[in-house]
N, C-alpha and C. Protein backbone atom coordinates (compact mmCIF):
# COMPACT_ATOMS: atom_id res chain seq x y z
N MET A 1 -87.39 -73.75 -57.68
CA MET A 1 -88.38 -74.21 -56.81
C MET A 1 -88.07 -75.93 -56.65
N LEU A 2 -87.88 -76.79 -57.58
CA LEU A 2 -86.81 -77.69 -56.65
C LEU A 2 -86.43 -77.92 -55.70
N PHE A 3 -84.70 -77.33 -56.20
CA PHE A 3 -84.22 -77.02 -55.15
C PHE A 3 -84.21 -76.54 -53.44
N ASN A 4 -85.61 -75.62 -53.46
CA ASN A 4 -85.51 -75.26 -51.70
C ASN A 4 -86.46 -76.51 -51.69
N ALA A 5 -87.36 -77.04 -52.74
CA ALA A 5 -88.12 -78.33 -51.96
C ALA A 5 -87.23 -79.47 -51.20
N ILE A 6 -85.51 -79.78 -51.82
CA ILE A 6 -84.87 -80.81 -51.11
C ILE A 6 -83.85 -80.36 -50.19
N GLU A 7 -84.45 -79.38 -50.41
CA GLU A 7 -83.19 -78.67 -49.35
C GLU A 7 -82.52 -79.76 -47.95
N GLY A 8 -81.88 -79.98 -47.36
CA GLY A 8 -81.99 -80.52 -46.44
C GLY A 8 -82.05 -81.97 -46.03
N HIS A 9 -82.68 -82.63 -47.21
CA HIS A 9 -83.14 -84.05 -47.94
C HIS A 9 -81.96 -84.56 -47.95
N ALA A 10 -81.74 -85.43 -47.86
CA ALA A 10 -80.74 -86.96 -47.74
C ALA A 10 -80.18 -86.56 -49.47
N SER A 11 -81.24 -86.89 -50.50
CA SER A 11 -80.50 -86.85 -51.54
C SER A 11 -80.42 -85.31 -52.49
N GLU A 12 -80.15 -84.44 -51.32
CA GLU A 12 -80.35 -83.23 -52.50
C GLU A 12 -78.92 -83.04 -52.45
N SER A 13 -77.72 -83.67 -52.27
CA SER A 13 -76.26 -83.29 -52.88
C SER A 13 -76.96 -83.31 -54.43
N LEU A 14 -77.71 -85.01 -54.34
CA LEU A 14 -77.21 -85.68 -55.68
C LEU A 14 -78.65 -84.62 -56.56
N ILE A 15 -78.99 -84.56 -56.12
CA ILE A 15 -80.34 -84.19 -56.93
C ILE A 15 -79.72 -82.99 -57.97
N LYS A 16 -79.14 -81.99 -57.04
CA LYS A 16 -78.47 -80.87 -57.70
C LYS A 16 -77.14 -81.06 -58.60
N THR A 17 -76.06 -82.41 -58.66
CA THR A 17 -75.51 -82.61 -58.94
C THR A 17 -75.99 -83.28 -60.63
N ALA A 18 -77.16 -84.47 -60.52
CA ALA A 18 -77.79 -84.70 -61.47
C ALA A 18 -78.55 -83.51 -62.21
N ALA A 19 -79.39 -82.79 -61.99
CA ALA A 19 -79.10 -81.57 -62.54
C ALA A 19 -78.39 -80.42 -63.66
N VAL A 20 -76.76 -80.65 -62.99
CA VAL A 20 -76.43 -79.62 -62.67
C VAL A 20 -75.65 -80.58 -64.70
N ARG A 21 -75.90 -81.78 -64.71
CA ARG A 21 -74.79 -82.78 -66.01
C ARG A 21 -75.69 -82.78 -66.08
N SER A 22 -77.22 -82.84 -66.16
CA SER A 22 -77.96 -82.57 -67.22
C SER A 22 -78.08 -81.35 -67.85
N MET A 23 -77.46 -79.58 -67.89
CA MET A 23 -78.15 -78.59 -68.47
C MET A 23 -77.03 -78.93 -69.46
N ALA A 24 -77.74 -78.31 -71.12
CA ALA A 24 -76.47 -78.27 -72.42
C ALA A 24 -75.15 -78.18 -71.80
N LYS A 25 -74.19 -78.26 -72.35
CA LYS A 25 -72.72 -77.91 -71.98
C LYS A 25 -72.38 -76.91 -73.52
N ALA A 26 -71.85 -75.44 -73.16
CA ALA A 26 -70.88 -74.11 -73.83
C ALA A 26 -70.11 -75.51 -74.97
N VAL A 27 -70.74 -74.49 -76.55
CA VAL A 27 -70.38 -74.96 -77.00
C VAL A 27 -69.96 -73.92 -78.50
N TYR A 28 -68.47 -73.09 -78.62
CA TYR A 28 -67.80 -72.32 -78.93
C TYR A 28 -68.50 -72.67 -80.37
N SER A 29 -69.05 -71.09 -81.09
CA SER A 29 -69.20 -71.29 -82.64
C SER A 29 -69.15 -69.42 -83.18
N THR A 30 -68.83 -69.68 -84.34
CA THR A 30 -69.16 -67.90 -84.78
C THR A 30 -70.52 -67.89 -84.85
N LEU A 31 -71.79 -69.34 -85.33
CA LEU A 31 -72.74 -69.15 -85.69
C LEU A 31 -73.68 -68.50 -84.64
N ASN A 32 -74.70 -67.69 -85.16
CA ASN A 32 -75.53 -66.95 -84.09
C ASN A 32 -77.06 -67.75 -84.14
N ILE A 33 -77.34 -68.58 -82.99
CA ILE A 33 -78.18 -69.56 -82.23
C ILE A 33 -79.05 -68.84 -81.52
N GLY A 34 -78.99 -67.50 -80.70
CA GLY A 34 -79.29 -67.15 -80.34
C GLY A 34 -79.49 -67.99 -78.70
N HIS A 35 -80.46 -67.67 -77.63
CA HIS A 35 -80.56 -67.99 -76.09
C HIS A 35 -81.95 -68.86 -76.60
N PHE A 36 -82.30 -70.17 -76.11
CA PHE A 36 -83.26 -70.26 -75.97
C PHE A 36 -83.82 -69.87 -74.91
N GLY A 37 -83.12 -69.94 -73.47
CA GLY A 37 -83.31 -69.72 -72.28
C GLY A 37 -83.89 -68.56 -72.27
N LEU A 38 -83.12 -67.77 -72.24
CA LEU A 38 -83.36 -65.79 -72.42
C LEU A 38 -84.29 -65.65 -73.37
N ALA A 39 -84.44 -66.28 -74.76
CA ALA A 39 -85.22 -66.05 -75.88
C ALA A 39 -84.67 -65.01 -77.00
N PHE A 40 -84.10 -65.16 -76.34
CA PHE A 40 -82.80 -63.42 -76.66
C PHE A 40 -82.65 -64.25 -78.44
N GLU A 41 -82.88 -63.42 -79.92
CA GLU A 41 -82.65 -63.69 -80.67
C GLU A 41 -81.06 -63.29 -81.42
N HIS A 42 -79.98 -62.70 -80.24
CA HIS A 42 -78.84 -62.45 -80.58
C HIS A 42 -78.11 -62.84 -79.51
N TYR A 43 -77.18 -63.81 -79.00
CA TYR A 43 -76.58 -63.40 -78.01
C TYR A 43 -75.16 -64.11 -78.07
N THR A 44 -74.21 -63.93 -76.91
CA THR A 44 -73.24 -63.98 -77.07
C THR A 44 -73.03 -64.23 -75.35
N HIS A 45 -71.47 -64.60 -74.70
CA HIS A 45 -71.94 -64.18 -73.29
C HIS A 45 -70.27 -64.83 -73.47
N PHE A 46 -69.54 -64.02 -72.48
CA PHE A 46 -68.10 -64.14 -72.07
C PHE A 46 -67.98 -63.22 -71.27
N THR A 47 -66.87 -63.78 -69.91
CA THR A 47 -66.15 -63.42 -68.92
C THR A 47 -64.46 -62.49 -69.17
N SER A 48 -64.18 -62.09 -68.10
CA SER A 48 -62.46 -61.78 -68.50
C SER A 48 -62.20 -62.44 -69.57
N PRO A 49 -61.53 -61.60 -70.55
CA PRO A 49 -61.05 -62.57 -71.89
C PRO A 49 -59.25 -62.69 -71.44
N ILE A 50 -59.01 -62.18 -69.89
CA ILE A 50 -57.99 -63.16 -68.88
C ILE A 50 -57.92 -64.33 -68.76
N ARG A 51 -58.86 -64.51 -68.54
CA ARG A 51 -59.84 -66.08 -68.20
C ARG A 51 -59.85 -67.08 -69.19
N ARG A 52 -60.00 -66.73 -70.26
CA ARG A 52 -60.25 -68.23 -70.82
C ARG A 52 -59.98 -67.60 -72.56
N TYR A 53 -59.28 -68.52 -73.30
CA TYR A 53 -59.27 -67.94 -74.38
C TYR A 53 -60.90 -67.69 -75.48
N PRO A 54 -61.61 -68.71 -75.29
CA PRO A 54 -62.44 -67.99 -76.67
C PRO A 54 -63.35 -66.82 -75.77
N ASP A 55 -63.07 -66.31 -74.05
CA ASP A 55 -63.64 -64.96 -74.26
C ASP A 55 -63.17 -63.65 -74.95
N LEU A 56 -61.35 -64.13 -74.73
CA LEU A 56 -60.56 -63.16 -75.79
C LEU A 56 -61.35 -62.96 -77.37
N LEU A 57 -61.44 -64.01 -77.98
CA LEU A 57 -62.21 -64.68 -79.11
C LEU A 57 -63.24 -63.39 -79.14
N VAL A 58 -64.28 -63.52 -78.73
CA VAL A 58 -65.33 -62.79 -78.49
C VAL A 58 -64.68 -61.38 -78.61
N HIS A 59 -63.91 -60.73 -77.60
CA HIS A 59 -63.84 -59.33 -77.66
C HIS A 59 -62.80 -59.12 -78.55
N ARG A 60 -62.33 -59.76 -79.26
CA ARG A 60 -61.68 -59.90 -80.45
C ARG A 60 -62.84 -59.49 -81.96
N SER A 61 -63.55 -60.23 -81.82
CA SER A 61 -64.54 -60.28 -82.74
C SER A 61 -65.48 -58.96 -83.00
N LEU A 62 -65.83 -58.27 -81.43
CA LEU A 62 -66.60 -57.84 -81.37
C LEU A 62 -66.16 -56.48 -81.70
N PHE A 63 -64.73 -55.95 -81.64
CA PHE A 63 -64.07 -55.05 -82.11
C PHE A 63 -63.97 -55.39 -83.60
N ALA A 64 -63.98 -55.88 -84.24
CA ALA A 64 -63.70 -56.44 -85.76
C ALA A 64 -65.02 -56.36 -85.96
N ILE A 65 -66.35 -55.83 -85.38
CA ILE A 65 -67.55 -56.07 -85.80
C ILE A 65 -67.74 -53.93 -86.09
N GLN A 66 -66.74 -53.24 -85.23
CA GLN A 66 -67.12 -52.09 -85.38
C GLN A 66 -66.26 -51.38 -85.74
N GLU A 67 -65.14 -52.34 -86.85
CA GLU A 67 -64.58 -51.58 -87.65
C GLU A 67 -65.78 -51.91 -88.90
N PRO A 68 -65.25 -50.08 -89.81
CA PRO A 68 -66.63 -49.63 -91.04
C PRO A 68 -65.90 -51.18 -91.91
N HIS A 69 -65.03 -51.79 -91.88
CA HIS A 69 -65.23 -52.97 -93.35
C HIS A 69 -65.62 -54.10 -92.61
N GLY A 70 -66.10 -54.15 -91.50
CA GLY A 70 -66.70 -55.76 -90.78
C GLY A 70 -65.46 -56.35 -91.16
N VAL A 71 -65.94 -57.97 -90.43
CA VAL A 71 -65.08 -58.80 -90.67
C VAL A 71 -65.14 -59.98 -92.48
N ASP A 72 -63.67 -59.91 -92.39
CA ASP A 72 -63.65 -60.46 -93.46
C ASP A 72 -63.95 -62.00 -93.47
N PRO A 73 -64.50 -62.70 -94.90
CA PRO A 73 -65.58 -64.19 -94.94
C PRO A 73 -63.80 -65.11 -93.89
N GLY A 74 -62.26 -64.85 -94.64
CA GLY A 74 -61.34 -65.61 -93.97
C GLY A 74 -61.13 -65.86 -92.63
N LYS A 75 -61.32 -64.71 -91.89
CA LYS A 75 -61.18 -63.51 -90.91
C LYS A 75 -62.07 -64.81 -89.68
N MET A 76 -63.18 -64.79 -90.53
CA MET A 76 -64.35 -65.64 -89.58
C MET A 76 -64.07 -67.41 -89.64
N SER A 77 -63.44 -67.51 -90.94
CA SER A 77 -63.50 -69.14 -90.78
C SER A 77 -62.47 -69.71 -89.96
N ARG A 78 -61.62 -69.16 -89.93
CA ARG A 78 -60.13 -69.11 -88.99
C ARG A 78 -61.07 -68.96 -88.08
N LEU A 79 -61.93 -68.02 -86.73
CA LEU A 79 -62.55 -67.93 -85.64
C LEU A 79 -63.21 -69.34 -85.90
N GLU A 80 -64.31 -69.98 -86.29
CA GLU A 80 -64.83 -70.64 -86.54
C GLU A 80 -64.24 -71.96 -86.24
N ARG A 81 -62.94 -72.72 -87.08
CA ARG A 81 -61.74 -73.58 -86.37
C ARG A 81 -61.37 -73.19 -84.81
N MET A 82 -60.57 -72.12 -84.21
CA MET A 82 -60.45 -72.02 -83.09
C MET A 82 -62.03 -71.59 -81.91
N ALA A 83 -63.00 -71.89 -82.47
CA ALA A 83 -64.11 -71.86 -81.75
C ALA A 83 -64.68 -73.48 -81.25
N ALA A 84 -64.31 -74.24 -82.49
CA ALA A 84 -64.24 -76.28 -82.77
C ALA A 84 -63.14 -76.36 -81.71
N ASP A 85 -61.90 -75.89 -81.51
CA ASP A 85 -60.45 -76.16 -80.84
C ASP A 85 -60.86 -76.09 -79.27
N ALA A 86 -61.56 -74.73 -79.82
CA ALA A 86 -62.18 -74.35 -78.07
C ALA A 86 -62.97 -75.23 -76.89
N THR A 87 -63.77 -75.36 -77.84
CA THR A 87 -64.96 -76.95 -77.65
C THR A 87 -64.29 -77.85 -77.15
N GLN A 88 -63.24 -78.29 -77.99
CA GLN A 88 -62.71 -79.58 -77.92
C GLN A 88 -61.75 -79.12 -76.30
N LYS A 89 -60.67 -78.62 -76.57
CA LYS A 89 -60.09 -77.96 -75.28
C LYS A 89 -60.32 -77.85 -73.94
N GLU A 90 -61.89 -78.00 -73.85
CA GLU A 90 -62.66 -77.61 -72.72
C GLU A 90 -63.40 -78.46 -72.33
N ILE A 91 -64.10 -79.71 -73.49
CA ILE A 91 -64.00 -80.99 -72.92
C ILE A 91 -62.87 -81.75 -72.44
N SER A 92 -62.12 -81.65 -73.16
CA SER A 92 -60.51 -82.40 -72.80
C SER A 92 -60.62 -82.03 -71.25
N ALA A 93 -60.26 -80.96 -71.41
CA ALA A 93 -59.89 -80.15 -69.97
C ALA A 93 -60.91 -80.61 -68.33
N ALA A 94 -61.93 -80.85 -69.24
CA ALA A 94 -62.99 -81.13 -67.21
C ALA A 94 -62.83 -82.48 -67.46
N GLU A 95 -62.54 -83.48 -68.88
CA GLU A 95 -62.49 -84.58 -68.29
C GLU A 95 -60.69 -85.09 -67.78
N ALA A 96 -60.49 -84.43 -68.27
CA ALA A 96 -59.09 -84.63 -67.41
C ALA A 96 -59.25 -83.71 -65.28
N GLU A 97 -59.86 -82.85 -65.76
CA GLU A 97 -60.02 -82.93 -63.69
C GLU A 97 -61.01 -83.57 -62.99
N ARG A 98 -61.52 -84.07 -64.06
CA ARG A 98 -62.91 -85.44 -62.84
C ARG A 98 -61.55 -86.53 -63.05
N GLU A 99 -60.58 -86.88 -63.93
CA GLU A 99 -59.94 -88.04 -63.35
C GLU A 99 -58.86 -87.92 -62.69
N SER A 100 -58.74 -86.67 -62.42
CA SER A 100 -57.58 -86.03 -61.43
C SER A 100 -57.96 -86.23 -60.27
N ILE A 101 -59.33 -85.88 -60.00
CA ILE A 101 -60.02 -85.83 -59.04
C ILE A 101 -59.98 -87.03 -57.75
N LYS A 102 -60.51 -87.83 -58.68
CA LYS A 102 -60.84 -89.68 -58.92
C LYS A 102 -59.55 -89.77 -57.99
N LEU A 103 -58.55 -90.22 -59.10
CA LEU A 103 -57.43 -90.15 -58.85
C LEU A 103 -56.46 -89.62 -57.40
N LYS A 104 -57.25 -89.15 -56.68
CA LYS A 104 -56.75 -88.39 -55.33
C LYS A 104 -57.43 -88.86 -54.70
N GLN A 105 -59.18 -89.06 -54.82
CA GLN A 105 -59.90 -89.67 -54.45
C GLN A 105 -59.84 -90.84 -53.95
N VAL A 106 -58.86 -91.78 -54.79
CA VAL A 106 -58.57 -93.15 -54.42
C VAL A 106 -57.16 -93.19 -53.35
N GLU A 107 -56.03 -92.31 -54.47
CA GLU A 107 -55.07 -92.13 -52.90
C GLU A 107 -55.73 -92.22 -52.05
N TYR A 108 -56.64 -91.25 -51.40
CA TYR A 108 -56.80 -90.90 -49.78
C TYR A 108 -57.47 -91.99 -49.85
N MET A 109 -58.66 -92.91 -49.83
CA MET A 109 -59.29 -94.05 -49.76
C MET A 109 -58.16 -95.36 -49.34
N GLN A 110 -57.44 -95.03 -50.61
CA GLN A 110 -56.26 -96.65 -50.66
C GLN A 110 -55.68 -96.49 -49.07
N GLU A 111 -55.38 -95.38 -48.19
CA GLU A 111 -54.70 -95.29 -47.07
C GLU A 111 -55.72 -95.46 -46.03
N ARG A 112 -56.85 -95.81 -46.21
CA ARG A 112 -58.08 -96.00 -44.71
C ARG A 112 -58.72 -96.94 -45.09
N LEU A 113 -58.13 -98.34 -45.60
CA LEU A 113 -58.90 -99.65 -46.37
C LEU A 113 -59.40 -99.66 -44.95
N GLY A 114 -61.05 -100.48 -45.05
CA GLY A 114 -60.53 -101.30 -43.38
C GLY A 114 -61.58 -99.58 -42.64
N ALA A 115 -61.70 -99.28 -42.86
CA ALA A 115 -61.92 -97.59 -42.31
C ALA A 115 -63.23 -97.44 -42.37
N GLN A 116 -64.24 -97.04 -41.35
CA GLN A 116 -65.54 -96.67 -41.45
C GLN A 116 -65.97 -95.43 -42.24
N PHE A 117 -67.14 -95.19 -43.29
CA PHE A 117 -67.39 -93.54 -43.39
C PHE A 117 -69.21 -94.00 -42.87
N GLU A 118 -69.56 -91.95 -43.54
CA GLU A 118 -71.25 -92.52 -43.86
C GLU A 118 -71.49 -92.08 -45.39
N GLY A 119 -72.13 -91.68 -45.99
CA GLY A 119 -72.15 -92.55 -47.27
C GLY A 119 -74.06 -92.64 -47.89
N ILE A 120 -73.80 -92.12 -48.78
CA ILE A 120 -74.94 -91.84 -50.01
C ILE A 120 -75.22 -92.82 -51.23
N ILE A 121 -75.61 -93.84 -51.04
CA ILE A 121 -76.28 -94.11 -52.66
C ILE A 121 -76.17 -93.34 -53.94
N SER A 122 -75.23 -93.06 -54.44
CA SER A 122 -75.20 -92.34 -55.82
C SER A 122 -76.07 -92.83 -57.09
N ALA A 123 -75.94 -94.16 -57.15
CA ALA A 123 -76.30 -95.05 -57.75
C ALA A 123 -76.60 -96.11 -58.12
N VAL A 124 -77.37 -96.69 -58.85
CA VAL A 124 -77.95 -98.51 -58.10
C VAL A 124 -77.77 -99.06 -59.78
N THR A 125 -77.51 -100.35 -60.19
CA THR A 125 -76.95 -100.71 -61.43
C THR A 125 -77.24 -102.11 -60.86
N GLU A 126 -77.99 -102.80 -61.77
CA GLU A 126 -78.00 -104.74 -62.14
C GLU A 126 -76.48 -105.16 -61.51
N TRP A 127 -75.24 -104.20 -61.09
CA TRP A 127 -74.30 -105.19 -60.13
C TRP A 127 -74.37 -104.84 -59.26
N GLY A 128 -75.11 -103.85 -58.39
CA GLY A 128 -74.40 -103.42 -57.55
C GLY A 128 -74.69 -101.35 -56.93
N ILE A 129 -74.54 -101.33 -55.98
CA ILE A 129 -74.56 -99.91 -55.45
C ILE A 129 -73.28 -99.25 -55.71
N TYR A 130 -73.82 -98.11 -56.19
CA TYR A 130 -72.55 -96.61 -55.86
C TYR A 130 -72.96 -96.38 -54.21
N VAL A 131 -71.57 -96.13 -53.71
CA VAL A 131 -71.77 -94.93 -52.57
C VAL A 131 -70.97 -93.65 -52.51
N GLU A 132 -71.35 -92.71 -52.26
CA GLU A 132 -70.73 -91.36 -52.23
C GLU A 132 -70.03 -91.10 -50.63
N GLU A 133 -69.07 -90.99 -50.26
CA GLU A 133 -68.62 -91.27 -49.03
C GLU A 133 -68.98 -89.06 -48.67
N LYS A 134 -69.76 -88.70 -47.16
CA LYS A 134 -69.91 -87.38 -47.30
C LYS A 134 -69.61 -86.77 -47.57
N GLU A 135 -68.15 -86.24 -47.12
CA GLU A 135 -66.82 -85.83 -46.69
C GLU A 135 -66.37 -85.53 -48.53
N THR A 136 -65.85 -86.42 -48.63
CA THR A 136 -64.69 -86.22 -49.81
C THR A 136 -65.64 -86.58 -50.94
N ARG A 137 -66.95 -86.99 -50.83
CA ARG A 137 -66.92 -87.44 -52.02
C ARG A 137 -66.85 -88.09 -52.81
N SER A 138 -65.80 -89.43 -52.61
CA SER A 138 -65.46 -90.17 -53.23
C SER A 138 -66.21 -91.46 -53.13
N GLU A 139 -66.67 -92.01 -54.52
CA GLU A 139 -67.49 -92.66 -54.72
C GLU A 139 -66.64 -93.91 -55.47
N GLY A 140 -67.51 -95.19 -54.89
CA GLY A 140 -67.28 -96.42 -54.67
C GLY A 140 -68.11 -97.72 -54.73
N MET A 141 -68.21 -98.61 -55.00
CA MET A 141 -68.84 -99.51 -55.52
C MET A 141 -69.08 -100.62 -54.87
N VAL A 142 -71.00 -100.95 -54.09
CA VAL A 142 -70.37 -101.82 -53.20
C VAL A 142 -71.67 -103.01 -54.78
N LYS A 143 -71.32 -103.77 -54.37
CA LYS A 143 -71.42 -104.97 -55.54
C LYS A 143 -72.80 -106.60 -54.81
N LEU A 144 -73.30 -106.28 -55.84
CA LEU A 144 -74.28 -107.02 -54.86
C LEU A 144 -74.21 -108.38 -54.30
N ARG A 145 -72.64 -109.11 -54.78
CA ARG A 145 -73.10 -109.95 -54.99
C ARG A 145 -71.97 -110.17 -53.61
N ASP A 146 -71.79 -108.73 -52.19
CA ASP A 146 -71.07 -108.61 -51.23
C ASP A 146 -72.31 -108.29 -49.94
N ILE A 147 -73.13 -108.03 -50.92
CA ILE A 147 -74.56 -107.26 -49.54
C ILE A 147 -74.87 -109.18 -49.23
N GLY A 148 -74.76 -109.18 -47.94
CA GLY A 148 -75.49 -110.19 -47.21
C GLY A 148 -76.97 -110.01 -46.69
N GLY A 149 -77.09 -111.83 -46.72
CA GLY A 149 -78.41 -111.86 -46.22
C GLY A 149 -79.18 -112.61 -46.90
N ASP A 150 -79.24 -111.63 -48.21
CA ASP A 150 -80.53 -111.93 -49.35
C ASP A 150 -79.70 -112.02 -50.83
N TYR A 151 -80.33 -112.19 -52.15
CA TYR A 151 -80.28 -111.94 -53.26
C TYR A 151 -80.43 -110.67 -53.70
N TYR A 152 -80.70 -110.31 -54.35
CA TYR A 152 -80.29 -108.31 -54.78
C TYR A 152 -81.05 -108.14 -55.93
N ALA A 153 -82.28 -107.65 -56.55
CA ALA A 153 -81.97 -107.41 -57.78
C ALA A 153 -82.43 -106.19 -57.93
N LEU A 154 -81.90 -105.48 -59.25
CA LEU A 154 -82.31 -104.45 -59.33
C LEU A 154 -83.93 -104.20 -59.87
N ASP A 155 -84.35 -102.87 -58.94
CA ASP A 155 -85.53 -102.52 -59.39
C ASP A 155 -85.20 -100.97 -60.28
N GLU A 156 -85.46 -101.00 -62.13
CA GLU A 156 -84.59 -100.12 -62.04
C GLU A 156 -86.06 -98.67 -62.04
N LYS A 157 -86.95 -99.27 -62.30
CA LYS A 157 -88.25 -98.05 -61.76
C LYS A 157 -88.25 -97.02 -61.03
N ASN A 158 -87.34 -98.17 -60.03
CA ASN A 158 -87.64 -97.14 -58.88
C ASN A 158 -86.60 -96.81 -58.07
N TYR A 159 -85.77 -97.04 -58.66
CA TYR A 159 -84.15 -96.80 -58.76
C TYR A 159 -83.34 -96.81 -57.12
N ARG A 160 -83.75 -98.31 -57.07
CA ARG A 160 -83.30 -99.48 -55.85
C ARG A 160 -83.13 -100.60 -56.23
N ILE A 161 -82.57 -101.24 -55.41
CA ILE A 161 -82.50 -102.55 -55.18
C ILE A 161 -83.17 -103.65 -54.31
N VAL A 162 -83.80 -104.68 -54.37
CA VAL A 162 -84.45 -105.40 -53.49
C VAL A 162 -84.57 -106.76 -53.59
N GLY A 163 -84.21 -106.89 -52.05
CA GLY A 163 -83.73 -108.62 -51.96
C GLY A 163 -84.99 -109.54 -51.63
N ALA A 164 -84.88 -110.32 -52.10
CA ALA A 164 -85.73 -111.40 -53.27
C ALA A 164 -86.30 -111.78 -51.46
N ARG A 165 -85.80 -112.31 -50.55
CA ARG A 165 -86.75 -112.61 -49.71
C ARG A 165 -87.19 -112.11 -48.15
N THR A 166 -85.94 -110.59 -48.74
CA THR A 166 -86.37 -110.23 -47.09
C THR A 166 -87.16 -109.14 -47.86
N LYS A 167 -87.44 -108.78 -48.44
CA LYS A 167 -87.65 -107.29 -49.32
C LYS A 167 -87.12 -105.84 -48.81
N LYS A 168 -86.27 -105.88 -48.57
CA LYS A 168 -85.38 -104.85 -47.69
C LYS A 168 -85.38 -104.25 -49.72
N THR A 169 -84.97 -102.80 -48.92
CA THR A 169 -84.50 -101.97 -50.17
C THR A 169 -82.82 -101.15 -50.55
N TYR A 170 -82.41 -100.66 -50.59
CA TYR A 170 -81.39 -99.55 -51.03
C TYR A 170 -82.14 -99.12 -51.93
N ALA A 171 -82.17 -97.91 -51.89
CA ALA A 171 -82.40 -96.81 -52.90
C ALA A 171 -81.68 -96.07 -52.99
N LEU A 172 -81.63 -94.92 -54.39
CA LEU A 172 -81.16 -94.02 -54.73
C LEU A 172 -81.23 -92.54 -53.39
N GLY A 173 -80.17 -91.90 -53.07
CA GLY A 173 -80.31 -91.12 -52.21
C GLY A 173 -80.23 -91.54 -50.42
N ASP A 174 -80.82 -92.86 -50.43
CA ASP A 174 -80.32 -93.72 -49.55
C ASP A 174 -79.02 -93.26 -48.37
N PRO A 175 -79.15 -92.80 -46.79
CA PRO A 175 -77.98 -92.59 -45.89
C PRO A 175 -77.39 -94.03 -46.00
N VAL A 176 -76.07 -94.57 -45.82
CA VAL A 176 -75.56 -95.96 -45.82
C VAL A 176 -74.27 -95.98 -44.97
N ARG A 177 -74.13 -96.63 -43.91
CA ARG A 177 -72.63 -96.73 -43.80
C ARG A 177 -71.78 -97.96 -44.14
N PHE A 178 -70.64 -97.81 -44.46
CA PHE A 178 -69.51 -98.58 -45.30
C PHE A 178 -68.23 -98.35 -45.08
N LYS A 179 -67.43 -99.74 -45.38
CA LYS A 179 -66.57 -99.39 -44.69
C LYS A 179 -65.12 -99.52 -46.45
N VAL A 180 -63.38 -99.34 -46.11
CA VAL A 180 -63.74 -98.89 -47.68
C VAL A 180 -62.77 -101.01 -47.72
N ALA A 181 -63.45 -101.13 -48.41
CA ALA A 181 -62.51 -102.31 -48.93
C ALA A 181 -61.17 -102.94 -50.31
N GLY A 182 -61.26 -101.89 -50.92
CA GLY A 182 -60.80 -101.84 -51.97
C GLY A 182 -60.04 -100.67 -52.66
N ALA A 183 -59.10 -100.27 -53.69
CA ALA A 183 -58.75 -99.49 -53.89
C ALA A 183 -57.53 -99.42 -54.70
N ASP A 184 -58.09 -99.47 -56.39
CA ASP A 184 -57.08 -99.90 -57.30
C ASP A 184 -56.64 -98.54 -57.79
N LEU A 185 -55.14 -97.76 -57.63
CA LEU A 185 -55.30 -96.70 -58.48
C LEU A 185 -55.53 -96.68 -59.70
N GLU A 186 -54.72 -97.69 -60.48
CA GLU A 186 -54.58 -97.29 -61.89
C GLU A 186 -55.60 -97.60 -62.68
N ARG A 187 -56.83 -98.21 -62.08
CA ARG A 187 -58.50 -98.29 -62.28
C ARG A 187 -59.27 -97.16 -62.17
N LYS A 188 -58.56 -96.57 -60.75
CA LYS A 188 -59.18 -95.32 -59.98
C LYS A 188 -60.90 -96.18 -59.47
N THR A 189 -60.76 -96.69 -59.50
CA THR A 189 -61.94 -97.33 -58.34
C THR A 189 -61.39 -97.71 -56.73
N LEU A 190 -62.93 -97.57 -56.45
CA LEU A 190 -62.85 -98.04 -55.36
C LEU A 190 -64.13 -99.11 -54.87
N ASP A 191 -64.05 -100.05 -53.95
CA ASP A 191 -64.50 -101.08 -53.59
C ASP A 191 -65.15 -100.86 -51.68
N TYR A 192 -66.25 -100.57 -52.31
CA TYR A 192 -66.87 -100.52 -50.70
C TYR A 192 -67.96 -101.44 -49.93
N ARG A 193 -67.64 -102.03 -48.91
CA ARG A 193 -68.89 -102.81 -48.24
C ARG A 193 -69.94 -102.20 -47.24
N LEU A 194 -70.56 -102.14 -46.98
CA LEU A 194 -72.05 -101.96 -46.31
C LEU A 194 -71.36 -103.05 -45.32
N VAL A 195 -72.00 -101.59 -44.20
CA VAL A 195 -71.69 -102.44 -42.98
C VAL A 195 -72.82 -101.92 -41.66
């Protein structure tokens, strides 16, 4: 329903990204906690055992449960340790993926210093606005002190910054045009300026 209502809107990508990020992440465990959203008392999920080790463990557990003697407590203890380890490795892999993408985005933009792009305001803070470039989704910051013509302050309640004198606003989801002012590979940060 929400995704249908925002289709084609300037902030569509931001809202969809925020919705996905707010969802609970999978945690691997031998404990049966069911599935809240599906209202199942007993639940497990797996894909192809070729894809991921946790899926292989689910398959092995299902085979063990079907054996006449069941699963011994020692094996369950080992499975719980493996599940916790798989959860931590998946978190680490997701963080590494985000870091590598950010690095490549900074490398890309570093070669385009001074170039102008179209973007969307992806976040507002008391020190600046973050802008995401439309094509590559490379995100950089426009510092408030670099926005000329007024003194801007954060209106946290309305997800925007407002000019003290002009009352001009820059709000979450607003389209903007910007140029690349700086790229720091070591810190994996991008500095943008509004144009």
